[in-house]
């Protein structure tokens, strides 16, 4: 559901409708690798992975881990995805830590979503090579960003960027779509790390190499 602090269902309907009139897609960010400590799923402790002493297991970030071996967990989460697409005309999802969740879950979710909207877009915050075989449309290109940073911030030889590009083509399925970015919510702004000229040079690469250029809100600002 929508937290009343953020607005109403009608607000979301109006937002999506306005975006579609501008030929824009609206994607929601979903976090399925772990849950909030007060997630409604906590009402049924069987929904979560357990430690040897019977406590709810925590993930890399110390939050509860849903148990994807349970069909009821998969069903609940997939029905949530379908809800937003069916009832609010959402165009897709950015799947946080997508590689931390079994690929089989995403394949299952993809099939359910395609039955509602075959044009749905799934973006995995992961560089797992098999993601785009059946489940996802787009993946992050983490290694490319790290190579860019090593050159522009740390002074590594520029050939590191080419090597990263070649590695991507060697490991990802043919035709895979990857995002190129110069900063994101996990790192300082590109202008802060690379300087203005370095950030502009990185953007040129992002917009000219094969792949999908990815712009974050406010990335042109040197905000620490």
Protein backbone atom coordinates (compact mmCIF):
# COMPACT_ATOMS: atom_id res chain seq x y z
CA UNK A 1 0.00 0.00 0.00
CA UNK A 2 0.99 3.67 -0.21
CA UNK A 3 2.14 5.28 3.00
CA UNK A 4 -0.30 8.17 3.69
CA UNK A 5 2.74 10.33 4.47
CA UNK A 6 3.67 10.05 0.78
CA UNK A 7 0.22 10.62 -0.71
CA UNK A 8 -2.80 8.67 -1.91
CA UNK A 9 -3.59 6.03 -4.50
CA UNK A 10 -5.16 8.76 -6.62
CA UNK A 11 -1.90 10.74 -6.49
CA UNK A 12 -0.04 7.77 -7.96
CA UNK A 13 -2.69 7.25 -10.64
CA UNK A 14 -2.41 10.92 -11.62
CA UNK A 15 1.40 10.78 -11.65
CA UNK A 16 1.50 7.70 -13.90
CA UNK A 17 -1.12 9.15 -16.24
CA UNK A 18 0.82 12.41 -16.59
CA UNK A 19 4.07 10.52 -17.21
CA UNK A 20 2.49 8.36 -19.91
CA UNK A 21 1.18 11.46 -21.70
CA UNK A 22 4.82 12.58 -21.89
CA UNK A 23 5.84 9.13 -23.25
CA UNK A 24 7.74 8.35 -20.06
CA UNK A 25 7.74 5.06 -18.18
CA UNK A 26 7.28 4.84 -14.41
CA UNK A 27 9.27 2.15 -12.60
CA UNK A 28 9.12 1.37 -8.89
CA UNK A 29 12.15 0.50 -6.80
CA UNK A 30 11.56 -2.79 -4.98
CA UNK A 31 13.69 -4.30 -2.22
CA UNK A 32 13.15 -8.06 -2.09
CA UNK A 33 16.60 -9.21 -0.93
CA UNK A 34 15.70 -8.27 2.63
CA UNK A 35 12.76 -6.68 4.41
CA UNK A 36 12.25 -3.86 6.85
CA UNK A 37 12.24 -4.88 10.49
CA UNK A 38 8.53 -3.97 10.71
CA UNK A 39 7.48 -5.52 7.38
CA UNK A 40 3.98 -7.00 7.42
CA UNK A 41 5.50 -10.38 6.51
CA UNK A 42 6.91 -10.49 10.05
CA UNK A 43 3.37 -11.45 11.12
CA UNK A 44 4.28 -14.92 9.83
CA UNK A 45 7.83 -15.82 10.95
CA UNK A 46 7.76 -18.81 8.59
CA UNK A 47 8.28 -16.33 5.74
CA UNK A 48 11.93 -15.80 6.75
CA UNK A 49 15.19 -17.71 6.67
CA UNK A 50 16.12 -19.07 10.11
CA UNK A 51 19.46 -19.47 11.81
CA UNK A 52 20.49 -22.73 13.54
CA UNK A 53 19.05 -21.46 16.82
CA UNK A 54 15.71 -20.57 15.22
CA UNK A 55 16.19 -16.81 14.98
CA UNK A 56 15.33 -14.86 11.82
CA UNK A 57 18.47 -14.67 9.68
CA UNK A 58 19.91 -11.32 8.61
CA UNK A 59 21.52 -10.49 5.29
CA UNK A 60 24.63 -8.56 4.25
CA UNK A 61 22.80 -5.46 5.46
CA UNK A 62 21.43 -6.58 8.84
CA UNK A 63 17.80 -6.92 7.82
CA UNK A 64 15.52 -10.01 7.78
CA UNK A 65 15.89 -12.36 4.78
CA UNK A 66 12.73 -13.71 3.09
CA UNK A 67 12.86 -17.47 2.52
CA UNK A 68 12.60 -18.04 -1.24
CA UNK A 69 12.41 -21.79 -0.76
CA UNK A 70 8.83 -21.27 0.43
CA UNK A 71 6.17 -21.16 -2.33
CA UNK A 72 3.99 -18.91 -0.19
CA UNK A 73 6.77 -16.30 0.03
CA UNK A 74 7.23 -16.28 -3.73
CA UNK A 75 3.48 -16.10 -4.29
CA UNK A 76 3.05 -13.18 -1.87
CA UNK A 77 5.86 -11.12 -3.40
CA UNK A 78 4.88 -11.83 -7.00
CA UNK A 79 1.28 -10.87 -6.26
CA UNK A 80 2.59 -7.56 -4.90
CA UNK A 81 4.42 -6.87 -8.19
CA UNK A 82 1.34 -7.79 -10.22
CA UNK A 83 -0.79 -5.48 -8.06
CA UNK A 84 1.19 -2.37 -8.99
CA UNK A 85 1.18 -3.21 -12.69
CA UNK A 86 -2.46 -4.28 -12.89
CA UNK A 87 -3.97 -1.65 -10.61
CA UNK A 88 -1.68 1.36 -11.19
CA UNK A 89 -0.33 0.76 -14.72
CA UNK A 90 3.28 0.77 -13.47
CA UNK A 91 5.71 0.07 -16.33
CA UNK A 92 8.42 -1.85 -14.51
CA UNK A 93 10.64 -2.33 -11.49
CA UNK A 94 14.22 -1.66 -10.43
CA UNK A 95 15.05 -4.73 -8.39
CA UNK A 96 17.42 -3.82 -5.57
CA UNK A 97 20.22 -6.36 -5.05
CA UNK A 98 18.59 -8.49 -7.75
CA UNK A 99 21.53 -10.90 -7.77
CA UNK A 100 21.00 -11.74 -4.10
CA UNK A 101 17.70 -13.46 -4.92
CA UNK A 102 17.39 -16.81 -6.73
CA UNK A 103 17.12 -16.33 -10.49
CA UNK A 104 14.26 -18.85 -10.51
CA UNK A 105 12.14 -16.41 -8.51
CA UNK A 106 12.62 -13.66 -11.07
CA UNK A 107 11.78 -16.03 -13.93
CA UNK A 108 8.57 -16.93 -12.11
CA UNK A 109 7.78 -13.26 -11.48
CA UNK A 110 8.50 -12.37 -15.11
CA UNK A 111 5.97 -14.89 -16.39
CA UNK A 112 3.28 -13.57 -14.05
CA UNK A 113 3.99 -9.95 -15.00
CA UNK A 114 4.04 -10.69 -18.73
CA UNK A 115 0.52 -12.04 -18.45
CA UNK A 116 -0.57 -8.59 -17.24
CA UNK A 117 1.69 -6.43 -19.45
CA UNK A 118 4.07 -8.04 -21.96
CA UNK A 119 5.95 -4.71 -22.23
CA UNK A 120 6.98 -4.69 -18.57
CA UNK A 121 10.60 -3.63 -17.88
CA UNK A 122 12.68 -5.37 -15.21
CA UNK A 123 16.00 -3.83 -14.19
CA UNK A 124 18.34 -5.84 -11.96
CA UNK A 125 20.75 -4.06 -9.65
CA UNK A 126 23.17 -6.88 -10.40
CA UNK A 127 25.70 -7.94 -13.02
CA UNK A 128 24.78 -11.65 -12.87
CA UNK A 129 25.27 -12.93 -16.45
CA UNK A 130 22.20 -15.20 -16.53
CA UNK A 131 19.74 -12.48 -15.48
CA UNK A 132 18.75 -11.55 -19.02
CA UNK A 133 18.23 -15.07 -20.32
CA UNK A 134 14.63 -15.27 -19.08
CA UNK A 135 13.95 -12.71 -16.36
CA UNK A 136 15.42 -9.23 -16.76
CA UNK A 137 15.67 -6.65 -19.53
CA UNK A 138 18.56 -4.61 -18.12
CA UNK A 139 21.43 -5.01 -15.65
CA UNK A 140 23.79 -2.60 -13.95
CA UNK A 141 27.37 -2.52 -15.25
CA UNK A 142 29.26 -2.31 -11.94
CA UNK A 143 32.67 -3.20 -13.36
CA UNK A 144 32.52 -0.43 -15.93
CA UNK A 145 31.86 2.16 -13.22
CA UNK A 146 34.71 0.81 -11.09
CA UNK A 147 37.05 0.97 -14.09
CA UNK A 148 36.00 4.55 -14.83
CA UNK A 149 36.58 5.50 -11.22
CA UNK A 150 40.01 3.87 -11.14
CA UNK A 151 41.06 5.97 -14.14
CA UNK A 152 39.41 9.31 -13.39
CA UNK A 153 39.84 9.34 -9.62
CA UNK A 154 42.83 7.10 -8.91
CA UNK A 155 45.02 7.64 -11.98
CA UNK A 156 44.92 4.11 -13.44
CA UNK A 157 45.79 3.76 -17.16
CA UNK A 158 42.84 4.54 -19.44
CA UNK A 159 43.17 1.06 -20.97
CA UNK A 160 41.32 -0.19 -17.86
CA UNK A 161 38.09 1.13 -19.38
CA UNK A 162 38.61 -0.87 -22.57
CA UNK A 163 39.50 -4.00 -20.60
CA UNK A 164 36.29 -3.64 -18.62
CA UNK A 165 34.29 -3.27 -21.85
CA UNK A 166 35.94 -6.39 -23.31
CA UNK A 167 35.29 -8.36 -20.13
CA UNK A 168 31.63 -7.37 -20.27
CA UNK A 169 31.33 -8.75 -23.81
CA UNK A 170 33.14 -11.94 -22.79
CA UNK A 171 30.93 -12.70 -19.79
CA UNK A 172 27.45 -11.36 -20.53
CA UNK A 173 24.97 -13.04 -22.91
CA UNK A 174 25.03 -11.72 -26.46
CA UNK A 175 22.70 -8.75 -26.80
CA UNK A 176 22.55 -8.09 -23.05
CA UNK A 177 21.59 -4.55 -22.13
CA UNK A 178 23.74 -2.90 -19.45
CA UNK A 179 23.47 0.46 -17.71
CA UNK A 180 26.41 2.83 -17.81
CA UNK A 181 26.51 5.39 -15.01
CA UNK A 182 28.99 7.83 -13.52
CA UNK A 183 27.54 8.03 -10.03
CA UNK A 184 24.66 6.57 -8.05
CA UNK A 185 23.04 6.58 -4.63
CA UNK A 186 25.82 4.41 -3.16
CA UNK A 187 28.73 6.67 -4.17
CA UNK A 188 29.61 10.39 -4.02
CA UNK A 189 28.57 12.53 -6.97
CA UNK A 190 30.73 12.20 -10.08
CA UNK A 191 31.63 15.91 -9.95
CA UNK A 192 32.97 15.41 -6.43
CA UNK A 193 35.07 12.35 -7.34
CA UNK A 194 36.27 13.18 -10.86
CA UNK A 195 36.08 16.98 -11.05
CA UNK A 196 33.82 18.73 -13.55
CA UNK A 197 35.89 17.87 -16.63
CA UNK A 198 36.32 14.26 -15.53
CA UNK A 199 32.59 13.91 -14.90
CA UNK A 200 31.83 15.31 -18.37
CA UNK A 201 34.35 12.93 -19.96
CA UNK A 202 32.73 10.00 -18.15
CA UNK A 203 29.30 11.09 -19.40
CA UNK A 204 30.58 11.17 -22.98
CA UNK A 205 31.63 7.53 -22.62
CA UNK A 206 28.30 6.59 -21.06
CA UNK A 207 26.41 8.09 -23.99
CA UNK A 208 28.58 6.71 -26.78
CA UNK A 209 29.49 3.15 -25.76
CA UNK A 210 27.04 0.35 -26.44
CA UNK A 211 24.64 0.16 -23.54
CA UNK A 212 22.10 2.37 -21.79
CA UNK A 213 23.22 5.73 -20.38
CA UNK A 214 21.87 6.23 -16.88
CA UNK A 215 21.40 9.71 -15.37
CA UNK A 216 20.76 10.17 -11.66
CA UNK A 217 18.79 13.14 -10.42
CA UNK A 218 21.19 15.90 -9.39
CA UNK A 219 24.38 14.25 -10.60
CA UNK A 220 25.56 17.53 -12.16
CA UNK A 221 25.80 19.10 -8.70
CA UNK A 222 28.95 18.82 -6.57
CA UNK A 223 26.96 17.86 -3.49
CA UNK A 224 28.99 15.89 -0.93
